[in-house]
C-alpha cells in the first residue's frame, strides 16, 4: 500500500454512526451488472454552419462498450486520466443519463425502469458528486436538504420522525444534530461532503455511485471522508462504484479496479493483482506515477504524450500513439478485452510485456 493510502488509514475516524442498516433483501451474486454500455454525444456544429461549410456530423464516444459486475457489499473503482469517460459512465449507471446502447441493471432490473420510478428499487441507488457545495442547494438549510429524499420517498411518519432521522444521519457522518439549522456556506468543504454523504444515506440505499467525492478536498480531509465511507460500508453493507483519478485513493477503497482510456476499459482486475502486476501498458504507466515510500526523491519519468482527440481517435488501439510497446498490428486492429493471468486486458501484446 502506498504512503498516502497508509496515511489515510492513520487519520482519526469520526464518531460511530448511529444509522440503521438497509432492510433485508434477497442476496444476489452481482448487485449491479453493466453490459456493453455506450454513450455517444452529438458534437456537430449547428445545421446552418454544416450546410454553409460542408461539414459533416461529429460524434464523441464518451463511453465505448464497457462491461463489468459489482457484487453486493464490494467496491469497484474506475480510474484514468481526465476525459476518459469515468464520470459519464457513472451518470449512466446511476440513471442520470440515458445510455446510447447497452444495459445497466440493478438486481436484474433495468436502470431506466428504476430512474422512471417504475421499480421499488428507486430508493436503493444514490450518488455523491465531486463538488460538495455545487451539489447542495445554498438556499436550503441542511435539515431540509437531508430530509428531501426522506419526504419524497415517504420514509418517515410525521415531522418529528423526519427530524429524528435527520439528526441521526448528521451524527452518523460526524456532525452535530444542531447543524440541521445551518446553511451549506457555513461549513468547510469536508463538512459539506459529509452533508452530501448524509443526504445519500437518507433513503437507506444499497448502492452508491461516488464520482470523485474527495478530489476537491485537501489530503487530511480526504482521509477523513474515505475512512467514513469505509466505516459506513462495513456497518451498512453498502456497495460502491467509486470514480477517481487518484491511485492512492483507489488502492485504499477498492476491491476491483477498472482502468479506463478514451472511453474503454483497457484492464479490469482485483486490486491486488492490478497493483502487483498490471498487464496493460497504460496501467503500467499509471502505476509509475503513484507515490510510494521507496520512490521519495526519485526522478520520475513523466507520462509521454497527451490523450488523443476523442472525436477523432487513433485507428487500432487508442493508446498506440503513446505506447512504448506498440507494433504495426496495434495501429490497425483494435484489441478486444480478454483474460490474461487473472486480469481482463485489451492489449495485443499483454502476454509478452512483463516489465
Protein backbone atom coordinates (compact mmCIF):
# COMPACT_ATOMS: atom_id res chain seq x y z
CA UNK A 1 0.00 0.00 0.00
CA UNK A 2 1.26 3.47 -0.80
CA UNK A 3 2.44 6.05 1.73
CA UNK A 4 -0.56 8.27 1.03
CA UNK A 5 -3.01 5.41 1.40
CA UNK A 6 -1.38 4.39 4.67
CA UNK A 7 -1.67 7.97 5.89
CA UNK A 8 -5.38 7.88 5.18
CA UNK A 9 -5.86 4.93 7.49
CA UNK A 10 -3.96 6.59 10.30
CA UNK A 11 -6.27 9.59 10.50
CA UNK A 12 -8.65 9.65 13.45
CA UNK A 13 -12.05 8.40 12.42
CA UNK A 14 -15.32 10.16 13.25
CA UNK A 15 -17.69 9.02 15.94
CA UNK A 16 -19.51 5.75 15.32
CA UNK A 17 -22.55 6.42 13.13
CA UNK A 18 -26.00 5.69 14.59
CA UNK A 19 -27.59 4.65 11.34
CA UNK A 20 -29.94 1.82 10.51
CA UNK A 21 -28.81 -0.87 8.08
CA UNK A 22 -30.84 -1.29 4.92
CA UNK A 23 -33.84 -3.64 5.15
CA UNK A 24 -33.21 -7.32 4.48
CA UNK A 25 -33.05 -8.01 0.77
CA UNK A 26 -32.56 -11.15 -1.29
CA UNK A 27 -28.87 -11.89 -1.84
CA UNK A 28 -27.53 -11.57 -5.37
CA UNK A 29 -24.24 -12.73 -6.87
CA UNK A 30 -23.93 -9.41 -8.69
CA UNK A 31 -25.86 -6.42 -7.41
CA UNK A 32 -25.06 -4.25 -10.45
CA UNK A 33 -24.45 -5.53 -13.99
CA UNK A 34 -23.16 -3.37 -16.83
CA UNK A 35 -23.23 -4.88 -20.30
CA UNK A 36 -21.71 -3.26 -23.43
CA UNK A 37 -22.51 0.24 -22.18
CA UNK A 38 -22.07 3.04 -24.72
CA UNK A 39 -22.73 6.75 -24.51
CA UNK A 40 -22.27 8.85 -27.65
CA UNK A 41 -22.73 12.62 -27.80
CA UNK A 42 -23.51 14.56 -30.97
CA UNK A 43 -20.99 17.42 -31.02
CA UNK A 44 -21.77 18.58 -34.56
CA UNK A 45 -21.77 22.24 -35.49
CA UNK A 46 -25.21 23.90 -35.92
CA UNK A 47 -27.14 22.87 -39.04
CA UNK A 48 -26.66 26.17 -40.85
CA UNK A 49 -22.89 26.01 -40.25
CA UNK A 50 -22.69 22.48 -41.59
CA UNK A 51 -24.66 23.47 -44.72
CA UNK A 52 -22.56 26.53 -45.49
CA UNK A 53 -19.19 24.93 -44.78
CA UNK A 54 -19.87 21.40 -45.96
CA UNK A 55 -19.04 19.88 -42.58
CA UNK A 56 -20.49 16.53 -41.62
CA UNK A 57 -21.82 15.39 -38.28
CA UNK A 58 -19.35 14.69 -35.49
CA UNK A 59 -19.83 12.36 -32.54
CA UNK A 60 -17.90 11.79 -29.34
CA UNK A 61 -17.82 8.29 -27.85
CA UNK A 62 -17.58 9.18 -24.18
CA UNK A 63 -18.18 5.56 -23.12
CA UNK A 64 -17.38 2.88 -25.67
CA UNK A 65 -18.51 -0.68 -24.87
CA UNK A 66 -17.71 -1.29 -21.20
CA UNK A 67 -18.90 -4.28 -19.18
CA UNK A 68 -18.46 -5.32 -15.53
CA UNK A 69 -20.30 -6.52 -12.44
CA UNK A 70 -20.26 -5.31 -8.83
CA UNK A 71 -21.05 -7.90 -6.10
CA UNK A 72 -23.05 -6.77 -3.09
CA UNK A 73 -21.00 -5.11 -0.36
CA UNK A 74 -17.97 -4.57 -2.61
CA UNK A 75 -16.31 -1.57 -4.27
CA UNK A 76 -15.40 -1.32 -7.93
CA UNK A 77 -13.32 1.70 -8.91
CA UNK A 78 -12.88 3.25 -12.34
CA UNK A 79 -9.59 5.10 -12.73
CA UNK A 80 -7.96 7.02 -15.56
CA UNK A 81 -6.91 10.45 -16.77
CA UNK A 82 -9.40 13.31 -17.08
CA UNK A 83 -11.65 12.91 -20.10
CA UNK A 84 -11.51 9.10 -20.22
CA UNK A 85 -15.27 8.72 -19.64
CA UNK A 86 -15.36 7.79 -15.93
CA UNK A 87 -17.93 10.37 -14.87
CA UNK A 88 -20.15 9.79 -17.91
CA UNK A 89 -20.18 6.08 -17.13
CA UNK A 90 -21.07 6.87 -13.51
CA UNK A 91 -24.01 9.05 -14.53
CA UNK A 92 -25.34 6.41 -16.91
CA UNK A 93 -25.07 3.73 -14.22
CA UNK A 94 -26.81 5.97 -11.67
CA UNK A 95 -29.64 6.60 -14.14
CA UNK A 96 -28.93 10.32 -14.58
CA UNK A 97 -28.11 9.93 -18.28
CA UNK A 98 -29.64 7.53 -20.76
CA UNK A 99 -27.08 5.23 -22.44
CA UNK A 100 -26.89 5.23 -26.23
CA UNK A 101 -26.80 1.43 -26.15
CA UNK A 102 -26.05 -1.41 -23.78
CA UNK A 103 -27.69 -2.22 -20.47
CA UNK A 104 -27.29 -1.35 -16.81
CA UNK A 105 -29.26 -3.42 -14.32
CA UNK A 106 -29.65 -3.34 -10.56
CA UNK A 107 -30.83 -6.65 -9.09
CA UNK A 108 -31.65 -7.65 -12.69
CA UNK A 109 -33.95 -4.61 -13.07
CA UNK A 110 -33.08 -2.17 -15.92
CA UNK A 111 -31.80 1.14 -14.61
CA UNK A 112 -34.24 3.00 -16.90
CA UNK A 113 -37.20 1.48 -15.02
CA UNK A 114 -35.69 2.49 -11.69
CA UNK A 115 -34.94 6.06 -12.84
CA UNK A 116 -38.52 6.43 -14.13
CA UNK A 117 -39.93 5.37 -10.77
CA UNK A 118 -41.37 2.14 -12.21
CA UNK A 119 -39.45 -0.02 -9.75
CA UNK A 120 -39.42 -0.37 -5.96
CA UNK A 121 -35.61 -0.08 -6.09
CA UNK A 122 -35.68 3.68 -6.66
CA UNK A 123 -34.54 4.38 -3.10
CA UNK A 124 -31.67 1.88 -3.36
CA UNK A 125 -29.44 3.93 -5.68
CA UNK A 126 -27.85 7.23 -4.68
CA UNK A 127 -24.94 9.35 -5.90
CA UNK A 128 -22.28 11.50 -4.23
CA UNK A 129 -20.94 14.23 -6.51
CA UNK A 130 -17.46 15.72 -6.85
CA UNK A 131 -18.29 19.28 -5.79
CA UNK A 132 -19.86 19.21 -2.31
CA UNK A 133 -21.01 22.83 -2.50
CA UNK A 134 -22.38 22.68 -6.03
CA UNK A 135 -24.46 19.61 -5.17
CA UNK A 136 -26.20 21.29 -2.20
CA UNK A 137 -28.95 23.89 -2.53
CA UNK A 138 -27.43 27.06 -0.98
CA UNK A 139 -30.89 28.45 -0.11
CA UNK A 140 -31.96 25.45 1.94
CA UNK A 141 -30.97 24.65 5.47
CA UNK A 142 -29.07 21.40 5.92
CA UNK A 143 -32.00 19.75 7.68
CA UNK A 144 -34.24 20.32 4.67
CA UNK A 145 -31.54 19.11 2.25
CA UNK A 146 -31.14 15.81 4.08
CA UNK A 147 -34.89 15.43 4.68
CA UNK A 148 -35.76 15.83 0.99
CA UNK A 149 -35.27 12.14 -0.02
CA UNK A 150 -36.99 11.01 3.18
CA UNK A 151 -40.06 13.10 2.34
CA UNK A 152 -40.00 12.36 -1.40
CA UNK A 153 -39.90 8.60 -0.81
CA UNK A 154 -42.24 8.75 2.21
CA UNK A 155 -39.81 7.00 4.52
CA UNK A 156 -40.92 8.65 7.78
CA UNK A 157 -44.16 9.17 9.68
CA UNK A 158 -44.64 12.79 10.66
CA UNK A 159 -42.29 15.74 11.06
CA UNK A 160 -40.92 14.52 14.39
CA UNK A 161 -39.75 11.25 12.84
CA UNK A 162 -38.15 13.19 9.99
CA UNK A 163 -36.24 15.43 12.42
CA UNK A 164 -35.02 12.42 14.38
CA UNK A 165 -33.80 10.67 11.25
CA UNK A 166 -32.02 13.81 10.05
CA UNK A 167 -30.34 14.19 13.45
CA UNK A 168 -29.18 10.54 13.38
CA UNK A 169 -27.79 10.97 9.88
CA UNK A 170 -25.83 14.08 10.84
CA UNK A 171 -24.38 12.42 13.93
CA UNK A 172 -23.64 9.31 11.85
CA UNK A 173 -21.38 11.28 9.49
CA UNK A 174 -19.55 13.06 12.29
CA UNK A 175 -21.55 16.29 12.51
CA UNK A 176 -23.95 17.64 15.15
CA UNK A 177 -27.73 17.40 15.16
CA UNK A 178 -27.77 21.18 15.67
CA UNK A 179 -26.13 21.61 12.26
CA UNK A 180 -29.51 20.96 10.63
CA UNK A 181 -30.40 24.65 11.16
CA UNK A 182 -27.37 25.95 9.26
CA UNK A 183 -26.85 26.69 5.56
CA UNK A 184 -24.20 24.96 3.38
CA UNK A 185 -22.00 28.07 3.18
CA UNK A 186 -21.46 27.89 6.95
CA UNK A 187 -19.46 24.67 6.62
CA UNK A 188 -15.99 23.75 5.38
CA UNK A 189 -15.50 21.66 2.24
CA UNK A 190 -15.04 18.45 4.21
CA UNK A 191 -18.12 19.13 6.30
CA UNK A 192 -20.17 19.85 3.18
CA UNK A 193 -19.11 16.49 1.74
CA UNK A 194 -20.23 14.85 4.99
CA UNK A 195 -23.62 16.51 4.45
CA UNK A 196 -23.68 15.11 0.91
CA UNK A 197 -22.93 11.64 2.32
CA UNK A 198 -25.73 12.04 4.88
CA UNK A 199 -28.17 13.02 2.13
CA UNK A 200 -27.13 9.99 0.07
CA UNK A 201 -27.75 7.75 3.09
CA UNK A 202 -31.14 9.30 3.87
CA UNK A 203 -33.04 6.83 1.68
CA UNK A 204 -31.12 3.89 3.21
CA UNK A 205 -29.62 2.87 -0.16
CA UNK A 206 -27.75 -0.31 -1.01
CA UNK A 207 -25.70 1.08 -3.93
CA UNK A 208 -23.91 4.45 -4.05
CA UNK A 209 -22.14 5.92 -7.07
CA UNK A 210 -19.25 8.11 -5.86
CA UNK A 211 -17.98 10.50 -8.55
CA UNK A 212 -14.59 11.72 -7.27
CA UNK A 213 -16.10 12.55 -3.85
CA UNK A 214 -12.79 13.71 -2.33
CA UNK A 215 -10.89 15.27 -5.25
CA UNK A 216 -11.88 18.82 -4.25
CA UNK A 217 -10.63 18.35 -0.68
CA UNK A 218 -7.16 18.56 0.85
CA UNK A 219 -5.37 15.35 1.79
CA UNK A 220 -6.18 15.25 5.50
CA UNK A 221 -9.88 15.88 4.88
CA UNK A 222 -9.84 13.30 2.08
CA UNK A 223 -8.63 10.74 4.60
CA UNK A 224 -11.48 11.51 6.99
CA UNK A 225 -14.16 11.21 4.28
CA UNK A 226 -12.66 7.99 2.87
CA UNK A 227 -12.45 6.41 6.31
CA UNK A 228 -16.03 7.45 6.98
CA UNK A 229 -17.17 5.81 3.74
CA UNK A 230 -15.29 2.61 4.56
CA UNK A 231 -16.85 2.52 8.04
CA UNK A 232 -20.34 3.04 6.59
CA UNK A 233 -19.76 0.30 4.04
CA UNK A 234 -18.73 -2.16 6.75
CA UNK A 235 -21.64 -1.23 9.02
CA UNK A 236 -24.43 -0.94 6.45
CA UNK A 237 -23.28 -3.38 3.78
CA UNK A 238 -23.08 -0.69 1.10
CA UNK A 239 -21.93 -1.31 -2.46
CA UNK A 240 -19.86 1.41 -4.16
CA UNK A 241 -18.94 2.39 -7.69
CA UNK A 242 -16.01 4.69 -6.99
CA UNK A 243 -14.69 7.13 -9.61
CA UNK A 244 -11.22 8.60 -9.11
CA UNK A 245 -8.01 9.59 -10.85
CA UNK A 246 -6.01 9.19 -7.62
CA UNK A 247 -4.40 5.74 -7.45
CA UNK A 248 -3.68 6.03 -3.71
CA UNK A 249 -7.38 6.60 -3.06
CA UNK A 250 -8.28 3.70 -5.37
CA UNK A 251 -5.81 1.47 -3.52
CA UNK A 252 -7.42 2.37 -0.20
CA UNK A 253 -11.07 1.98 -1.28
CA UNK A 254 -11.30 -0.75 -3.92
CA UNK A 255 -11.86 -4.46 -4.24
CA UNK A 256 -11.81 -4.41 -8.06
CA UNK A 257 -10.33 -1.76 -10.37
CA UNK A 258 -11.15 -0.90 -13.97
CA UNK A 259 -8.61 1.23 -15.86
CA UNK A 260 -10.28 3.43 -18.49
CA UNK A 261 -8.70 5.06 -21.51
CA UNK A 262 -10.61 7.06 -24.13
CA UNK A 263 -13.99 5.59 -23.21
CA UNK A 264 -12.93 1.95 -22.91
CA UNK A 265 -11.88 -0.29 -20.03
CA UNK A 266 -8.39 -1.43 -21.01
CA UNK A 267 -7.80 -3.51 -17.88
CA UNK A 268 -10.10 -4.95 -15.20
CA UNK A 269 -8.72 -6.89 -12.24
CA UNK A 270 -8.91 -7.24 -8.49
CA UNK A 271 -6.93 -4.57 -6.68
CA UNK A 272 -4.08 -6.81 -5.51
CA UNK A 273 -3.50 -8.23 -8.99
CA UNK A 274 -3.58 -4.85 -10.71
CA UNK A 275 -1.24 -3.10 -8.30
CA UNK A 276 1.16 -6.05 -8.11
CA UNK A 277 1.30 -6.92 -11.80
CA UNK A 278 -0.52 -4.58 -14.23
CA UNK A 279 -0.75 -6.08 -17.71
CA UNK A 280 -1.76 -3.18 -19.95
CA UNK A 281 0.96 -0.63 -20.87
CA UNK A 282 -1.31 2.24 -19.83
CA UNK A 283 -1.91 0.63 -16.43
CA UNK A 284 1.86 0.26 -16.01
CA UNK A 285 2.41 3.94 -16.80
CA UNK A 286 -0.27 4.95 -14.29
CA UNK A 287 1.36 2.83 -11.58
CA UNK A 288 4.69 4.59 -12.15
CA UNK A 289 3.07 7.92 -11.27
CA UNK A 290 1.85 6.62 -7.91
CA UNK A 291 3.98 7.87 -4.98
CA UNK A 292 5.41 5.21 -2.67
CA UNK A 293 7.79 5.17 0.28
CA UNK A 294 10.61 3.85 -1.92
CA UNK A 295 10.12 6.49 -4.62
CA UNK A 296 10.71 9.53 -2.39
CA UNK A 297 13.36 11.71 -4.05
CA UNK A 298 13.50 9.54 -7.16
CA UNK A 299 13.40 11.15 -10.58
CA UNK A 300 10.13 10.22 -12.28
CA UNK A 301 9.72 9.77 -15.98
CA UNK A 302 6.61 11.74 -16.98
CA UNK A 303 3.92 10.01 -18.99
CA UNK A 304 4.61 10.77 -22.62
CA UNK A 305 2.10 12.37 -24.99
CA UNK A 306 -1.44 13.55 -24.47
CA UNK A 307 -4.84 11.87 -24.61
CA UNK A 308 -5.90 11.87 -28.30
CA UNK A 309 -8.90 13.83 -29.52
CA UNK A 310 -11.90 11.61 -28.61
CA UNK A 311 -13.83 12.98 -31.61
CA UNK A 312 -11.13 11.61 -33.93
CA UNK A 313 -9.45 8.74 -32.04
CA UNK A 314 -6.48 6.83 -33.46
CA UNK A 315 -7.07 3.73 -35.56
CA UNK A 316 -6.48 0.37 -33.93
CA UNK A 317 -5.60 0.58 -30.25
CA UNK A 318 -6.42 4.08 -28.98
CA UNK A 319 -3.29 4.02 -26.79
CA UNK A 320 -0.87 3.17 -29.60
CA UNK A 321 0.47 6.76 -30.18
CA UNK A 322 1.70 6.83 -26.55
CA UNK A 323 2.57 3.15 -26.09
CA UNK A 324 6.27 2.20 -26.00
CA UNK A 325 5.35 -1.39 -26.96
CA UNK A 326 3.14 -0.61 -29.97
CA UNK A 327 3.69 -2.61 -33.17
CA UNK A 328 2.10 -2.38 -36.60
CA UNK A 329 -0.84 -4.55 -35.55
CA UNK A 330 -1.66 -2.09 -32.74
CA UNK A 331 -2.08 0.71 -35.30
CA UNK A 332 -4.63 -1.14 -37.39
CA UNK A 333 -6.51 -3.66 -35.24
CA UNK A 334 -8.49 -2.70 -32.17
CA UNK A 335 -7.76 -5.16 -29.32
CA UNK A 336 -10.69 -6.84 -27.60
CA UNK A 337 -10.66 -7.39 -23.87
CA UNK A 338 -9.61 -10.90 -22.86
CA UNK A 339 -8.33 -12.87 -19.87
CA UNK A 340 -4.57 -12.71 -19.19
CA UNK A 341 -3.10 -14.03 -15.92
CA UNK A 342 -6.13 -13.21 -13.78
CA UNK A 343 -6.86 -9.86 -15.41
CA UNK A 344 -9.09 -8.79 -18.28
CA UNK A 345 -6.87 -6.84 -20.68
CA UNK A 346 -7.42 -5.10 -24.02
CA UNK A 347 -3.91 -5.37 -25.45
CA UNK A 348 -2.47 -7.42 -28.30
CA UNK A 349 0.86 -7.89 -26.50
CA UNK A 350 -0.29 -8.34 -22.90
CA UNK A 351 1.34 -11.79 -22.56
CA UNK A 352 4.68 -10.54 -23.90
CA UNK A 353 5.02 -7.42 -21.76
CA UNK A 354 6.42 -8.16 -18.31
CA UNK A 355 8.46 -5.05 -17.41
